[in-house]
Amino acid sequence: MIELASDDDDAPPPKKKHRQDTEEEDLDKEDDGPEVQLIGYAYVEKPAKPTTGHGHKAVALEYTKHGPLTFTSKTTFHELLDIIAKALPCPRNNIVVDSIQAKPEHPSTAKLQGTHNSLGFKVLVDKLIALKAHQCIGHFYMKPPMKTANNEPQYRIKKVPPAQSILIAPPSMPAPAPPAPAAPSPSMAETLMLVVLAQNSLSFGRLSTFGGFGGNASMQQAPRAVPSPVKQHKMSIEQFVVRYGLNEKDVGQLSSMDFRPGDAIKEELSNYARDAGFKTLSWGRVYVANVAFKADLKAGVLGDEP
């Protein structure tokens, strides 16, 4: 007896769902999750007190505590920067984003981690959500806000609204290299030269009154005015970046290095530049732009621009 094949036998096997569909469903579920309320505090590093001699012990960094910072699990990193700027207070652009490190309050052995971008902030939020409701507290540590032009503190600690001052172990970040000693201002050097010339002129006049010493009239004339030294062109880092086509993020990195257009920098990528966030190619572009700036300054192309 011959058995006829049924339609079910000819039907193709069911196709398996692609993994991508499952991943997209997981992302949708994550986005649709409940919004969790979170709390944080900002700790701003105080300027270090100067110490002299080899007998001084290392002093732990001091921080001022600001907050609370109220945010949620849906808050973006850019929204967090606005919240921190409002709590300090200071302009958002003056926050040294690359220096931000954070950790949850629990466990007490938690270590600081880089939180200077969206990925680092998301890792912290995931850790806070995993804690109990009364333990969802994050602590953010950062350097004092800086002016993007000359890398100076935006505010003095005494003028900051009352906040709790604490002593805490310093964050695990490399210490910046000490700044190069500043050269004397041209106005001071010019003044010193005029004083020396004036004293020499007075001494010559006194000698001419003794022993019948008579000087030539032209020799007793007042000395010529010392020509003013060439003023250094003052161009901000923002203007330097825009004029020579660099990346906008180079502004913060150059500011953290205390860089000024025209500085004597090397073409090789130094450890100091690497710590500031530069790579070999990006630092090479900065070096070429600095050489072009010096050439324009020497040729008088920049003129009297501020």
Protein backbone atom coordinates (compact mmCIF):
# COMPACT_ATOMS: atom_id res chain seq x y z
CA MET A 1 0.00 0.00 0.00
CA ILE A 2 1.45 3.34 -1.05
CA GLU A 3 1.19 6.24 1.45
CA LEU A 4 0.62 9.66 -0.05
CA ALA A 5 2.68 12.56 1.34
CA SER A 6 0.58 15.02 3.27
CA ASP A 7 0.72 18.80 2.85
CA ASP A 8 2.27 19.09 6.31
CA ASP A 9 5.31 17.13 5.18
CA ASP A 10 5.95 19.56 2.32
CA ALA A 11 5.65 22.65 4.54
CA PRO A 12 9.04 24.37 5.14
CA PRO A 13 10.35 24.40 8.73
CA PRO A 14 9.57 27.58 10.68
CA LYS A 15 12.28 30.25 10.45
CA LYS A 16 14.12 31.25 13.60
CA LYS A 17 13.90 34.84 14.72
CA HIS A 18 17.00 36.88 14.02
CA ARG A 19 19.07 37.84 17.05
CA GLN A 20 18.81 41.50 16.08
CA ASP A 21 15.04 41.45 16.66
CA THR A 22 15.59 40.16 20.19
CA GLU A 23 18.22 42.82 20.88
CA GLU A 24 15.93 45.58 19.65
CA GLU A 25 13.16 44.26 21.92
CA ASP A 26 15.56 44.31 24.87
CA LEU A 27 16.51 47.93 24.13
CA ASP A 28 12.85 48.90 23.92
CA LYS A 29 12.19 47.26 27.26
CA GLU A 30 15.13 49.12 28.75
CA ASP A 31 13.88 52.45 27.41
CA ASP A 32 10.37 51.74 28.71
CA GLY A 33 11.63 51.01 32.24
CA PRO A 34 10.49 53.08 35.20
CA GLU A 35 12.17 56.42 35.84
CA VAL A 36 14.22 56.23 39.05
CA GLN A 37 14.88 59.34 41.14
CA LEU A 38 18.58 59.80 41.98
CA ILE A 39 20.56 62.21 44.16
CA GLY A 40 24.15 63.39 43.86
CA TYR A 41 26.65 65.86 45.30
CA ALA A 42 29.41 67.82 43.56
CA TYR A 43 32.84 68.15 45.19
CA VAL A 44 35.00 70.97 43.81
CA GLU A 45 38.74 70.82 44.48
CA LYS A 46 40.16 73.76 46.42
CA PRO A 47 43.40 75.40 45.20
CA ALA A 48 46.39 73.67 46.80
CA LYS A 49 48.22 75.63 49.51
CA PRO A 50 51.86 76.41 48.59
CA THR A 51 54.46 74.43 50.57
CA THR A 52 58.21 74.98 50.76
CA GLY A 53 61.09 72.79 51.88
CA HIS A 54 61.50 69.03 51.96
CA GLY A 55 60.15 68.63 55.50
CA HIS A 56 56.53 69.31 54.59
CA LYS A 57 54.27 66.30 54.36
CA ALA A 58 51.85 65.78 51.49
CA VAL A 59 48.48 67.33 52.33
CA ALA A 60 45.23 65.66 51.24
CA LEU A 61 43.20 67.63 48.75
CA GLU A 62 40.35 69.72 50.12
CA TYR A 63 36.96 69.89 48.45
CA THR A 64 33.85 72.02 48.81
CA LYS A 65 30.57 70.13 48.77
CA HIS A 66 27.66 71.43 46.65
CA GLY A 67 24.18 70.07 46.19
CA PRO A 68 22.10 68.08 46.36
CA LEU A 69 21.96 67.39 42.62
CA THR A 70 18.55 65.97 41.75
CA PHE A 71 18.38 63.88 38.58
CA THR A 72 16.81 60.66 37.28
CA SER A 73 17.78 57.54 35.40
CA LYS A 74 16.55 59.27 32.22
CA THR A 75 18.81 62.32 32.66
CA THR A 76 21.42 62.74 29.91
CA PHE A 77 25.05 63.64 30.53
CA HIS A 78 24.57 67.13 29.05
CA GLU A 79 21.59 67.72 31.35
CA LEU A 80 23.76 66.63 34.28
CA LEU A 81 26.34 69.30 33.37
CA ASP A 82 23.59 71.93 33.48
CA ILE A 83 22.55 70.70 36.94
CA ILE A 84 26.16 70.83 38.22
CA ALA A 85 26.72 74.32 36.74
CA LYS A 86 23.59 75.58 38.52
CA ALA A 87 24.71 74.11 41.86
CA LEU A 88 28.28 75.51 41.87
CA PRO A 89 27.29 78.09 40.35
CA CYS A 90 29.28 78.78 37.20
CA PRO A 91 28.81 78.82 33.40
CA ARG A 92 28.51 75.30 32.03
CA ASN A 93 31.35 75.81 29.53
CA ASN A 94 33.75 76.56 32.39
CA ILE A 95 33.35 73.11 33.98
CA VAL A 96 36.50 71.02 33.48
CA VAL A 97 34.60 68.03 32.08
CA ASP A 98 37.71 65.86 31.59
CA SER A 99 38.41 65.98 35.35
CA ILE A 100 34.99 64.67 36.48
CA GLN A 101 35.15 61.39 38.39
CA ALA A 102 32.33 59.76 40.32
CA LYS A 103 31.40 56.85 42.55
CA PRO A 104 28.28 55.58 44.35
CA GLU A 105 27.96 56.12 48.09
CA HIS A 106 27.56 52.38 48.63
CA PRO A 107 29.56 50.29 49.00
CA SER A 108 32.05 52.37 50.96
CA THR A 109 34.92 50.67 49.12
CA ALA A 110 33.71 51.92 45.73
CA LYS A 111 36.45 53.52 43.66
CA LEU A 112 36.30 56.67 41.57
CA GLN A 113 35.79 56.18 37.85
CA GLY A 114 35.95 58.54 34.90
CA THR A 115 32.56 60.17 34.32
CA HIS A 116 33.48 62.76 31.69
CA ASN A 117 31.19 61.45 28.94
CA SER A 118 27.81 59.81 28.38
CA LEU A 119 29.17 56.26 28.64
CA GLY A 120 30.82 56.84 32.03
CA PHE A 121 27.67 58.53 33.34
CA LYS A 122 25.49 55.60 32.19
CA VAL A 123 27.73 53.13 34.03
CA LEU A 124 27.31 55.16 37.23
CA VAL A 125 23.51 55.39 36.79
CA ASP A 126 23.27 51.60 36.31
CA LYS A 127 25.17 51.09 39.58
CA LEU A 128 22.89 53.53 41.43
CA ILE A 129 19.73 51.88 40.10
CA ALA A 130 20.96 48.51 41.38
CA LEU A 131 21.14 49.89 44.94
CA LYS A 132 18.29 50.28 47.41
CA ALA A 133 16.08 53.36 47.18
CA HIS A 134 17.72 55.20 50.10
CA GLN A 135 21.22 54.39 48.76
CA CYS A 136 20.85 55.88 45.25
CA ILE A 137 23.40 58.63 45.91
CA GLY A 138 26.32 59.51 43.63
CA HIS A 139 29.36 61.67 44.38
CA PHE A 140 31.02 63.71 41.60
CA TYR A 141 34.58 65.07 42.04
CA MET A 142 36.08 67.72 39.74
CA LYS A 143 38.64 70.50 39.44
CA PRO A 144 37.59 74.16 39.91
CA PRO A 145 35.79 75.68 36.92
CA MET A 146 38.19 77.38 34.50
CA LYS A 147 37.97 80.29 32.10
CA THR A 148 38.41 78.78 28.66
CA ALA A 149 40.67 81.65 27.50
CA ASN A 150 43.49 81.75 30.07
CA ASN A 151 42.75 78.70 32.26
CA GLU A 152 42.22 80.72 35.45
CA PRO A 153 39.69 79.83 38.19
CA GLN A 154 36.26 81.26 37.40
CA TYR A 155 35.55 82.03 41.05
CA ARG A 156 37.31 82.21 44.38
CA ILE A 157 36.33 79.78 47.11
CA LYS A 158 35.51 82.61 49.56
CA LYS A 159 32.90 84.00 47.15
CA VAL A 160 31.15 80.67 46.63
CA PRO A 161 27.78 80.26 48.44
CA PRO A 162 28.18 78.58 51.86
CA ALA A 163 29.01 74.92 51.41
CA GLN A 164 30.47 72.14 53.51
CA SER A 165 34.27 71.93 53.32
CA ILE A 166 35.63 68.40 53.69
CA LEU A 167 38.90 66.51 53.57
CA ILE A 168 38.93 63.47 51.34
CA ALA A 169 41.43 61.24 49.61
CA PRO A 170 42.40 62.76 46.24
CA PRO A 171 40.89 61.20 43.10
CA SER A 172 43.10 58.82 41.17
CA MET A 173 44.20 61.17 38.43
CA PRO A 174 47.71 62.19 37.29
CA ALA A 175 49.00 65.44 38.71
CA PRO A 176 49.50 68.14 36.06
CA ALA A 177 53.01 69.29 35.31
CA PRO A 178 54.01 72.54 37.03
CA PRO A 179 53.57 75.62 34.84
CA ALA A 180 56.63 77.31 33.40
CA PRO A 181 57.81 80.44 35.26
CA ALA A 182 56.34 83.61 33.82
CA ALA A 183 58.70 86.07 32.14
CA PRO A 184 58.84 89.65 33.50
CA SER A 185 56.40 92.02 31.87
CA PRO A 186 57.84 94.34 29.20
CA SER A 187 56.68 97.42 31.07
CA MET A 188 58.75 96.50 34.14
CA ALA A 189 61.88 95.80 32.08
CA GLU A 190 61.49 99.10 30.25
CA THR A 191 61.13 100.97 33.54
CA LEU A 192 64.29 99.39 34.96
CA MET A 193 66.29 100.38 31.88
CA LEU A 194 65.11 103.99 32.11
CA VAL A 195 66.04 104.15 35.81
CA VAL A 196 69.57 102.83 35.13
CA LEU A 197 70.11 105.29 32.29
CA ALA A 198 68.85 108.17 34.43
CA GLN A 199 71.23 107.25 37.27
CA ASN A 200 74.18 107.08 34.87
CA SER A 201 73.25 110.50 33.49
CA LEU A 202 73.14 112.03 36.99
CA SER A 203 76.50 110.49 37.90
CA PHE A 204 78.08 111.94 34.74
CA GLY A 205 76.69 115.39 35.60
CA ARG A 206 78.17 115.31 39.10
CA LEU A 207 81.62 114.34 37.80
CA SER A 208 81.64 117.27 35.38
CA THR A 209 81.45 119.77 38.31
CA PHE A 210 84.75 118.62 39.90
CA GLY A 211 88.37 119.36 38.80
CA GLY A 212 87.37 121.54 35.88
CA PHE A 213 86.11 118.49 34.08
CA GLY A 214 84.08 119.83 31.23
CA GLY A 215 81.95 117.59 29.16
CA ASN A 216 80.69 118.10 25.69
CA ALA A 217 77.24 119.68 25.52
CA SER A 218 76.02 116.85 23.36
CA MET A 219 77.25 114.36 25.96
CA GLN A 220 75.25 116.08 28.73
CA GLN A 221 71.98 115.84 26.86
CA ALA A 222 69.22 113.63 28.20
CA PRO A 223 69.40 110.04 26.99
CA ARG A 224 67.17 108.95 24.19
CA ALA A 225 63.95 107.20 25.08
CA VAL A 226 64.31 103.46 25.13
CA PRO A 227 62.25 101.90 22.35
CA SER A 228 59.30 99.94 23.63
CA PRO A 229 59.70 96.18 23.37
CA VAL A 230 57.59 94.35 20.86
CA LYS A 231 54.24 93.51 22.40
CA GLN A 232 53.23 89.89 22.34
CA HIS A 233 50.06 89.27 20.35
CA LYS A 234 47.23 88.24 22.68
CA MET A 235 45.01 85.73 20.91
CA SER A 236 42.65 83.54 22.92
CA ILE A 237 42.62 79.79 22.53
CA GLU A 238 39.11 79.94 21.04
CA GLN A 239 40.28 82.38 18.34
CA PHE A 240 43.39 80.27 17.73
CA VAL A 241 41.31 77.09 17.25
CA VAL A 242 38.82 78.78 14.90
CA ARG A 243 41.44 80.67 12.83
CA TYR A 244 43.61 77.64 12.15
CA GLY A 245 40.82 75.06 11.71
CA LEU A 246 41.34 72.92 14.81
CA ASN A 247 38.70 70.81 16.59
CA GLU A 248 36.40 72.50 19.12
CA LYS A 249 37.31 69.96 21.81
CA ASP A 250 40.95 71.14 21.53
CA VAL A 251 39.91 74.30 23.42
CA GLY A 252 39.42 72.48 26.71
CA GLN A 253 42.49 70.29 26.23
CA LEU A 254 44.77 73.25 25.42
CA SER A 255 43.31 75.20 28.34
CA SER A 256 44.12 72.37 30.76
CA MET A 257 47.76 72.57 29.53
CA ASP A 258 47.89 76.35 30.14
CA PHE A 259 48.77 76.71 26.45
CA ARG A 260 49.02 80.13 24.80
CA PRO A 261 49.37 80.68 21.04
CA GLY A 262 53.05 81.09 20.21
CA ASP A 263 54.39 78.93 23.05
CA ALA A 264 57.53 76.89 22.41
CA ILE A 265 56.02 73.41 22.01
CA LYS A 266 57.64 70.32 20.54
CA GLU A 267 56.34 68.33 17.60
CA GLU A 268 56.54 65.04 19.50
CA LEU A 269 53.55 64.10 21.70
CA SER A 270 54.67 64.63 25.30
CA ASN A 271 53.22 62.89 28.35
CA TYR A 272 51.71 66.21 29.45
CA ALA A 273 49.85 66.58 26.14
CA ARG A 274 48.78 62.93 26.26
CA ASP A 275 47.36 63.38 29.77
CA ALA A 276 45.39 66.37 28.49
CA GLY A 277 43.67 64.06 25.96
CA PHE A 278 45.66 64.62 22.76
CA LYS A 279 46.56 61.87 20.31
CA THR A 280 49.52 61.86 17.92
CA LEU A 281 47.55 63.22 14.95
CA SER A 282 45.57 65.84 16.89
CA TRP A 283 48.75 67.11 18.57
CA GLY A 284 50.47 67.28 15.18
CA ARG A 285 47.71 69.58 13.93
CA VAL A 286 48.13 71.80 16.99
CA TYR A 287 51.89 71.99 16.36
CA VAL A 288 51.40 72.96 12.68
CA ALA A 289 48.82 75.59 13.68
CA ASN A 290 51.21 77.05 16.27
CA VAL A 291 53.99 77.30 13.64
CA ALA A 292 51.57 79.06 11.28
CA PHE A 293 50.57 81.46 14.07
CA LYS A 294 54.22 82.41 14.67
CA ALA A 295 54.74 82.97 10.95
CA ASP A 296 51.64 85.18 10.71
CA LEU A 297 52.74 87.13 13.77
CA LYS A 298 56.21 87.71 12.32
CA ALA A 299 54.79 88.74 8.95
CA GLY A 300 52.36 91.18 10.55
CA VAL A 301 49.32 89.39 9.14
CA LEU A 302 47.52 89.41 12.49
CA GLY A 303 47.75 93.19 12.80
CA ASP A 304 46.40 94.75 15.99
CA GLU A 305 43.72 92.15 16.61
CA PRO A 306 43.20 91.54 20.33
